[in-house]
């Protein structure tokens, strides 16, 4: 089961994979180049840090699996 992860860590992972996150009208959108992949929900509350919802982490994991990428990515040695 996926857990929520901090927004900054999620963005770092996306950068390592060559994916982009852009603000949509309500949620965020995940892109590979100019191709839309899915919508990503970032949860936040009063005084709480911003996190990517577990559902969105699962979506990203499935997309990476289809693309043959590892989630979460690890730094190359």
PDB file of N, CA and C in Angstrom:
ATOM      1  N   UNK A   1       0.839  -1.186   0.000  1.00  0.00           N
ATOM      2  CA  UNK A   1       0.000   0.000   0.000  1.00  0.00           C
ATOM      3  C   UNK A   1       0.888   1.255   0.000  1.00  0.00           C
ATOM      4  N   UNK A   2       0.570   2.168  -0.880  1.00  0.00           N
ATOM      5  CA  UNK A   2       1.364   3.400  -0.998  1.00  0.00           C
ATOM      6  C   UNK A   2       1.073   4.346   0.161  1.00  0.00           C
ATOM      7  N   UNK A   3       2.075   5.114   0.525  1.00  0.00           N
ATOM      8  CA  UNK A   3       1.942   6.102   1.591  1.00  0.00           C
ATOM      9  C   UNK A   3       2.076   7.486   0.974  1.00  0.00           C
ATOM     10  N   UNK A   4       1.513   8.506   1.646  1.00  0.00           N
ATOM     11  CA  UNK A   4       1.730   9.865   1.124  1.00  0.00           C
ATOM     12  C   UNK A   4       3.208  10.231   1.258  1.00  0.00           C
ATOM     13  N   UNK A   5       3.714  10.978   0.298  1.00  0.00           N
ATOM     14  CA  UNK A   5       5.108  11.415   0.386  1.00  0.00           C
ATOM     15  C   UNK A   5       5.158  12.940   0.272  1.00  0.00           C
ATOM     16  N   UNK A   6       6.142  13.579   0.901  1.00  0.00           N
ATOM     17  CA  UNK A   6       6.251  15.038   0.832  1.00  0.00           C
ATOM     18  C   UNK A   6       6.358  15.525  -0.612  1.00  0.00           C
ATOM     19  N   UNK A   7       5.742  16.656  -0.879  1.00  0.00           N
ATOM     20  CA  UNK A   7       5.703  17.212  -2.232  1.00  0.00           C
ATOM     21  C   UNK A   7       7.113  17.431  -2.806  1.00  0.00           C
ATOM     22  N   UNK A   8       8.037  17.946  -1.999  1.00  0.00           N
ATOM     23  CA  UNK A   8       9.389  18.229  -2.495  1.00  0.00           C
ATOM     24  C   UNK A   8      10.124  16.949  -2.915  1.00  0.00           C
ATOM     25  N   UNK A   9       9.957  15.873  -2.133  1.00  0.00           N
ATOM     26  CA  UNK A   9      10.580  14.593  -2.470  1.00  0.00           C
ATOM     27  C   UNK A   9       9.975  14.027  -3.759  1.00  0.00           C
ATOM     28  N   UNK A  10       8.661  14.151  -3.901  1.00  0.00           N
ATOM     29  CA  UNK A  10       7.954  13.685  -5.097  1.00  0.00           C
ATOM     30  C   UNK A  10       8.485  14.411  -6.331  1.00  0.00           C
ATOM     31  N   UNK A  11       8.631  15.748  -6.225  1.00  0.00           N
ATOM     32  CA  UNK A  11       9.144  16.531  -7.351  1.00  0.00           C
ATOM     33  C   UNK A  11      10.577  16.127  -7.702  1.00  0.00           C
ATOM     34  N   UNK A  12      11.369  15.821  -6.676  1.00  0.00           N
ATOM     35  CA  UNK A  12      12.749  15.375  -6.900  1.00  0.00           C
ATOM     36  C   UNK A  12      12.751  14.053  -7.678  1.00  0.00           C
ATOM     37  N   UNK A  13      11.873  13.121  -7.281  1.00  0.00           N
ATOM     38  CA  UNK A  13      11.754  11.841  -7.990  1.00  0.00           C
ATOM     39  C   UNK A  13      11.353  12.065  -9.452  1.00  0.00           C
ATOM     40  N   UNK A  14      10.377  12.952  -9.677  1.00  0.00           N
ATOM     41  CA  UNK A  14       9.914  13.207 -11.039  1.00  0.00           C
ATOM     42  C   UNK A  14      11.040  13.765 -11.909  1.00  0.00           C
ATOM     43  N   UNK A  15      11.836  14.651 -11.325  1.00  0.00           N
ATOM     44  CA  UNK A  15      12.954  15.239 -12.065  1.00  0.00           C
ATOM     45  C   UNK A  15      13.951  14.153 -12.472  1.00  0.00           C
ATOM     46  N   UNK A  16      14.204  13.199 -11.558  1.00  0.00           N
ATOM     47  CA  UNK A  16      15.127  12.097 -11.855  1.00  0.00           C
ATOM     48  C   UNK A  16      14.596  11.228 -12.996  1.00  0.00           C
ATOM     49  N   UNK A  17      13.260  11.133 -13.118  1.00  0.00           N
ATOM     50  CA  UNK A  17      12.649  10.301 -14.155  1.00  0.00           C
ATOM     51  C   UNK A  17      12.411  11.067 -15.456  1.00  0.00           C
ATOM     52  N   UNK A  18      12.589  12.385 -15.426  1.00  0.00           N
ATOM     53  CA  UNK A  18      12.361  13.189 -16.623  1.00  0.00           C
ATOM     54  C   UNK A  18      10.896  13.535 -16.822  1.00  0.00           C
ATOM     55  N   UNK A  19      10.102  13.540 -15.748  1.00  0.00           N
ATOM     56  CA  UNK A  19       8.682  13.892 -15.818  1.00  0.00           C
ATOM     57  C   UNK A  19       8.483  15.274 -15.229  1.00  0.00           C
ATOM     58  N   UNK A  20       7.364  15.935 -15.588  1.00  0.00           N
ATOM     59  CA  UNK A  20       7.073  17.283 -15.092  1.00  0.00           C
ATOM     60  C   UNK A  20       5.728  17.310 -14.383  1.00  0.00           C
ATOM     61  N   UNK A  21       5.620  18.194 -13.388  1.00  0.00           N
ATOM     62  CA  UNK A  21       4.382  18.410 -12.660  1.00  0.00           C
ATOM     63  C   UNK A  21       3.978  19.858 -12.895  1.00  0.00           C
ATOM     64  N   UNK A  22       2.755  20.080 -13.393  1.00  0.00           N
ATOM     65  CA  UNK A  22       2.279  21.434 -13.663  1.00  0.00           C
ATOM     66  C   UNK A  22       0.931  21.654 -12.989  1.00  0.00           C
ATOM     67  N   UNK A  23       0.712  22.868 -12.512  1.00  0.00           N
ATOM     68  CA  UNK A  23      -0.535  23.193 -11.832  1.00  0.00           C
ATOM     69  C   UNK A  23      -1.667  23.224 -12.839  1.00  0.00           C
ATOM     70  N   UNK A  24      -2.731  22.467 -12.544  1.00  0.00           N
ATOM     71  CA  UNK A  24      -3.924  22.485 -13.370  1.00  0.00           C
ATOM     72  C   UNK A  24      -4.938  23.421 -12.730  1.00  0.00           C
ATOM     73  N   UNK A  25      -6.191  23.338 -13.118  1.00  0.00           N
ATOM     74  CA  UNK A  25      -7.203  24.223 -12.548  1.00  0.00           C
ATOM     75  C   UNK A  25      -7.461  23.911 -11.073  1.00  0.00           C
ATOM     76  N   UNK A  26      -7.511  22.636 -10.718  1.00  0.00           N
ATOM     77  CA  UNK A  26      -7.725  22.241  -9.320  1.00  0.00           C
ATOM     78  C   UNK A  26      -6.535  21.426  -8.825  1.00  0.00           C
ATOM     79  N   UNK A  27      -6.266  20.339  -9.486  1.00  0.00           N
ATOM     80  CA  UNK A  27      -5.150  19.466  -9.105  1.00  0.00           C
ATOM     81  C   UNK A  27      -3.920  19.815  -9.933  1.00  0.00           C
ATOM     82  N   UNK A  28      -2.904  18.972  -9.799  1.00  0.00           N
ATOM     83  CA  UNK A  28      -1.695  19.110 -10.612  1.00  0.00           C
ATOM     84  C   UNK A  28      -1.746  18.070 -11.707  1.00  0.00           C
ATOM     85  N   UNK A  29      -1.051  18.340 -12.805  1.00  0.00           N
ATOM     86  CA  UNK A  29      -1.014  17.409 -13.924  1.00  0.00           C
ATOM     87  C   UNK A  29       0.402  16.897 -14.119  1.00  0.00           C
ATOM     88  N   UNK A  30       0.509  15.606 -14.408  1.00  0.00           N
ATOM     89  CA  UNK A  30       1.799  14.964 -14.632  1.00  0.00           C
ATOM     90  C   UNK A  30       2.006  14.811 -16.135  1.00  0.00           C
ATOM     91  N   UNK A  31       3.176  15.253 -16.612  1.00  0.00           N
ATOM     92  CA  UNK A  31       3.490  15.217 -18.042  1.00  0.00           C
ATOM     93  C   UNK A  31       4.815  14.529 -18.300  1.00  0.00           C
ATOM     94  N   UNK A  32       4.882  13.885 -19.473  1.00  0.00           N
ATOM     95  CA  UNK A  32       6.159  13.413 -20.011  1.00  0.00           C
ATOM     96  C   UNK A  32       6.354  14.211 -21.290  1.00  0.00           C
ATOM     97  N   UNK A  33       7.261  15.174 -21.247  1.00  0.00           N
ATOM     98  CA  UNK A  33       7.387  16.114 -22.364  1.00  0.00           C
ATOM     99  C   UNK A  33       6.114  16.947 -22.417  1.00  0.00           C
ATOM    100  N   UNK A  34       5.396  16.884 -23.541  1.00  0.00           N
ATOM    101  CA  UNK A  34       4.120  17.598 -23.663  1.00  0.00           C
ATOM    102  C   UNK A  34       2.926  16.663 -23.524  1.00  0.00           C
ATOM    103  N   UNK A  35       3.180  15.383 -23.271  1.00  0.00           N
ATOM    104  CA  UNK A  35       2.101  14.396 -23.188  1.00  0.00           C
ATOM    105  C   UNK A  35       1.559  14.294 -21.769  1.00  0.00           C
ATOM    106  N   UNK A  36       0.238  14.524 -21.623  1.00  0.00           N
ATOM    107  CA  UNK A  36      -0.432  14.415 -20.327  1.00  0.00           C
ATOM    108  C   UNK A  36      -0.495  12.948 -19.914  1.00  0.00           C
ATOM    109  N   UNK A  37      -0.129  12.649 -18.658  1.00  0.00           N
ATOM    110  CA  UNK A  37      -0.184  11.279 -18.154  1.00  0.00           C
ATOM    111  C   UNK A  37      -1.342  11.075 -17.183  1.00  0.00           C
ATOM    112  N   UNK A  38      -1.465  11.939 -16.170  1.00  0.00           N
ATOM    113  CA  UNK A  38      -2.558  11.811 -15.206  1.00  0.00           C
ATOM    114  C   UNK A  38      -2.633  13.048 -14.314  1.00  0.00           C
ATOM    115  N   UNK A  39      -3.704  13.123 -13.507  1.00  0.00           N
ATOM    116  CA  UNK A  39      -3.863  14.208 -12.539  1.00  0.00           C
ATOM    117  C   UNK A  39      -3.315  13.741 -11.193  1.00  0.00           C
ATOM    118  N   UNK A  40      -2.646  14.637 -10.486  1.00  0.00           N
ATOM    119  CA  UNK A  40      -2.031  14.332  -9.198  1.00  0.00           C
ATOM    120  C   UNK A  40      -2.650  15.230  -8.131  1.00  0.00           C
ATOM    121  N   UNK A  41      -3.040  14.640  -7.022  1.00  0.00           N
ATOM    122  CA  UNK A  41      -3.648  15.403  -5.939  1.00  0.00           C
ATOM    123  C   UNK A  41      -2.619  15.634  -4.830  1.00  0.00           C
ATOM    124  N   UNK A  42      -2.458  16.899  -4.446  1.00  0.00           N
ATOM    125  CA  UNK A  42      -1.557  17.253  -3.350  1.00  0.00           C
ATOM    126  C   UNK A  42      -2.420  17.714  -2.184  1.00  0.00           C
ATOM    127  N   UNK A  43      -2.266  17.012  -1.053  1.00  0.00           N
ATOM    128  CA  UNK A  43      -3.093  17.309   0.116  1.00  0.00           C
ATOM    129  C   UNK A  43      -2.338  18.223   1.075  1.00  0.00           C
ATOM    130  N   UNK A  44      -3.077  19.116   1.709  1.00  0.00           N
ATOM    131  CA  UNK A  44      -2.486  20.031   2.688  1.00  0.00           C
ATOM    132  C   UNK A  44      -3.581  20.510   3.624  1.00  0.00           C
ATOM    133  N   UNK A  45      -3.186  20.843   4.812  1.00  0.00           N
ATOM    134  CA  UNK A  45      -4.132  21.338   5.798  1.00  0.00           C
ATOM    135  C   UNK A  45      -3.548  22.535   6.509  1.00  0.00           C
ATOM    136  N   UNK A  46      -4.217  22.971   7.545  1.00  0.00           N
ATOM    137  CA  UNK A  46      -3.738  24.122   8.300  1.00  0.00           C
ATOM    138  C   UNK A  46      -2.402  23.806   8.972  1.00  0.00           C
ATOM    139  N   UNK A  47      -1.376  24.517   8.577  1.00  0.00           N
ATOM    140  CA  UNK A  47      -0.061  24.352   9.190  1.00  0.00           C
ATOM    141  C   UNK A  47       0.634  23.037   8.900  1.00  0.00           C
ATOM    142  N   UNK A  48       0.016  22.179   8.097  1.00  0.00           N
ATOM    143  CA  UNK A  48       0.646  20.890   7.777  1.00  0.00           C
ATOM    144  C   UNK A  48       1.457  21.011   6.509  1.00  0.00           C
ATOM    145  N   UNK A  49       2.438  20.141   6.384  1.00  0.00           N
ATOM    146  CA  UNK A  49       3.233  20.123   5.161  1.00  0.00           C
ATOM    147  C   UNK A  49       2.392  19.556   4.015  1.00  0.00           C
ATOM    148  N   UNK A  50       2.784  19.898   2.835  1.00  0.00           N
ATOM    149  CA  UNK A  50       2.066  19.435   1.644  1.00  0.00           C
ATOM    150  C   UNK A  50       2.578  18.053   1.247  1.00  0.00           C
ATOM    151  N   UNK A  51       1.648  17.152   0.975  1.00  0.00           N
ATOM    152  CA  UNK A  51       2.007  15.780   0.606  1.00  0.00           C
ATOM    153  C   UNK A  51       1.201  15.346  -0.612  1.00  0.00           C
ATOM    154  N   UNK A  52       1.790  14.449  -1.372  1.00  0.00           N
ATOM    155  CA  UNK A  52       1.109  13.842  -2.514  1.00  0.00           C
ATOM    156  C   UNK A  52       0.266  12.704  -1.958  1.00  0.00           C
ATOM    157  N   UNK A  53      -1.014  12.662  -2.339  1.00  0.00           N
ATOM    158  CA  UNK A  53      -1.931  11.658  -1.796  1.00  0.00           C
ATOM    159  C   UNK A  53      -1.479  10.234  -2.155  1.00  0.00           C
ATOM    160  N   UNK A  54      -1.797   9.269  -1.285  1.00  0.00           N
ATOM    161  CA  UNK A  54      -1.405   7.872  -1.556  1.00  0.00           C
ATOM    162  C   UNK A  54      -1.950   7.367  -2.897  1.00  0.00           C
ATOM    163  N   UNK A  55      -3.154   7.802  -3.255  1.00  0.00           N
ATOM    164  CA  UNK A  55      -3.764   7.397  -4.517  1.00  0.00           C
ATOM    165  C   UNK A  55      -2.927   7.883  -5.706  1.00  0.00           C
ATOM    166  N   UNK A  56      -2.452   9.124  -5.612  1.00  0.00           N
ATOM    167  CA  UNK A  56      -1.635   9.691  -6.692  1.00  0.00           C
ATOM    168  C   UNK A  56      -0.262   9.027  -6.754  1.00  0.00           C
ATOM    169  N   UNK A  57       0.292   8.646  -5.599  1.00  0.00           N
ATOM    170  CA  UNK A  57       1.572   7.929  -5.578  1.00  0.00           C
ATOM    171  C   UNK A  57       1.394   6.585  -6.291  1.00  0.00           C
ATOM    172  N   UNK A  58       0.278   5.918  -6.033  1.00  0.00           N
ATOM    173  CA  UNK A  58      -0.023   4.635  -6.683  1.00  0.00           C
ATOM    174  C   UNK A  58      -0.140   4.808  -8.196  1.00  0.00           C
ATOM    175  N   UNK A  59      -0.827   5.877  -8.632  1.00  0.00           N
ATOM    176  CA  UNK A  59      -0.965   6.162 -10.067  1.00  0.00           C
ATOM    177  C   UNK A  59       0.403   6.338 -10.712  1.00  0.00           C
ATOM    178  N   UNK A  60       1.261   7.120 -10.056  1.00  0.00           N
ATOM    179  CA  UNK A  60       2.604   7.381 -10.582  1.00  0.00           C
ATOM    180  C   UNK A  60       3.393   6.082 -10.678  1.00  0.00           C
ATOM    181  N   UNK A  61       3.259   5.246  -9.654  1.00  0.00           N
ATOM    182  CA  UNK A  61       3.956   3.958  -9.638  1.00  0.00           C
ATOM    183  C   UNK A  61       3.526   3.098 -10.827  1.00  0.00           C
ATOM    184  N   UNK A  62       2.222   3.066 -11.126  1.00  0.00           N
ATOM    185  CA  UNK A  62       1.716   2.269 -12.251  1.00  0.00           C
ATOM    186  C   UNK A  62       2.200   2.826 -13.588  1.00  0.00           C
ATOM    187  N   UNK A  63       2.228   4.151 -13.701  1.00  0.00           N
ATOM    188  CA  UNK A  63       2.707   4.773 -14.944  1.00  0.00           C
ATOM    189  C   UNK A  63       4.180   4.427 -15.165  1.00  0.00           C
ATOM    190  N   UNK A  64       4.968   4.510 -14.101  1.00  0.00           N
ATOM    191  CA  UNK A  64       6.398   4.170 -14.206  1.00  0.00           C
ATOM    192  C   UNK A  64       6.582   2.715 -14.599  1.00  0.00           C
ATOM    193  N   UNK A  65       5.753   1.846 -14.046  1.00  0.00           N
ATOM    194  CA  UNK A  65       5.816   0.414 -14.363  1.00  0.00           C
ATOM    195  C   UNK A  65       5.558   0.197 -15.855  1.00  0.00           C
ATOM    196  N   UNK A  66       4.543   0.884 -16.408  1.00  0.00           N
ATOM    197  CA  UNK A  66       4.222   0.766 -17.828  1.00  0.00           C
ATOM    198  C   UNK A  66       5.346   1.291 -18.711  1.00  0.00           C
ATOM    199  N   UNK A  67       6.036   2.348 -18.227  1.00  0.00           N
ATOM    200  CA  UNK A  67       7.119   2.960 -18.999  1.00  0.00           C
ATOM    201  C   UNK A  67       8.445   2.223 -18.805  1.00  0.00           C
ATOM    202  N   UNK A  68       8.461   1.234 -17.923  1.00  0.00           N
ATOM    203  CA  UNK A  68       9.683   0.479 -17.666  1.00  0.00           C
ATOM    204  C   UNK A  68      10.660   1.224 -16.763  1.00  0.00           C
ATOM    205  N   UNK A  69      10.129   2.141 -15.945  1.00  0.00           N
ATOM    206  CA  UNK A  69      10.963   2.902 -15.018  1.00  0.00           C
ATOM    207  C   UNK A  69      10.785   2.384 -13.606  1.00  0.00           C
ATOM    208  N   UNK A  70      11.777   2.622 -12.765  1.00  0.00           N
ATOM    209  CA  UNK A  70      11.731   2.163 -11.380  1.00  0.00           C
ATOM    210  C   UNK A  70      11.110   3.251 -10.500  1.00  0.00           C
ATOM    211  N   UNK A  71      10.194   2.868  -9.611  1.00  0.00           N
ATOM    212  CA  UNK A  71       9.603   3.800  -8.647  1.00  0.00           C
ATOM    213  C   UNK A  71       9.784   3.255  -7.249  1.00  0.00           C
ATOM    214  N   UNK A  72      10.272   4.002  -6.283  1.00  0.00           N
ATOM    215  CA  UNK A  72      10.885   5.320  -6.468  1.00  0.00           C
ATOM    216  C   UNK A  72      12.256   5.177  -7.115  1.00  0.00           C
ATOM    217  N   UNK A  73      12.645   6.174  -7.899  1.00  0.00           N
ATOM    218  CA  UNK A  73      13.956   6.083  -8.584  1.00  0.00           C
ATOM    219  C   UNK A  73      15.103   6.175  -7.589  1.00  0.00           C
ATOM    220  N   UNK A  74      16.205   5.539  -7.933  1.00  0.00           N
ATOM    221  CA  UNK A  74      17.399   5.607  -7.102  1.00  0.00           C
ATOM    222  C   UNK A  74      18.494   6.310  -7.879  1.00  0.00           C
ATOM    223  N   UNK A  75      19.350   6.996  -7.171  1.00  0.00           N
ATOM    224  CA  UNK A  75      20.443   7.699  -7.846  1.00  0.00           C
ATOM    225  C   UNK A  75      21.370   6.692  -8.517  1.00  0.00           C
ATOM    226  N   UNK A  76      21.843   7.062  -9.676  1.00  0.00           N
ATOM    227  CA  UNK A  76      22.778   6.181 -10.386  1.00  0.00           C
ATOM    228  C   UNK A  76      24.124   6.235  -9.688  1.00  0.00           C
ATOM    229  N   UNK A  77      24.784   5.083  -9.613  1.00  0.00           N
ATOM    230  CA  UNK A  77      26.094   5.011  -8.937  1.00  0.00           C
ATOM    231  C   UNK A  77      27.206   5.401  -9.863  1.00  0.00           C
TER     232      UNK A  77
END
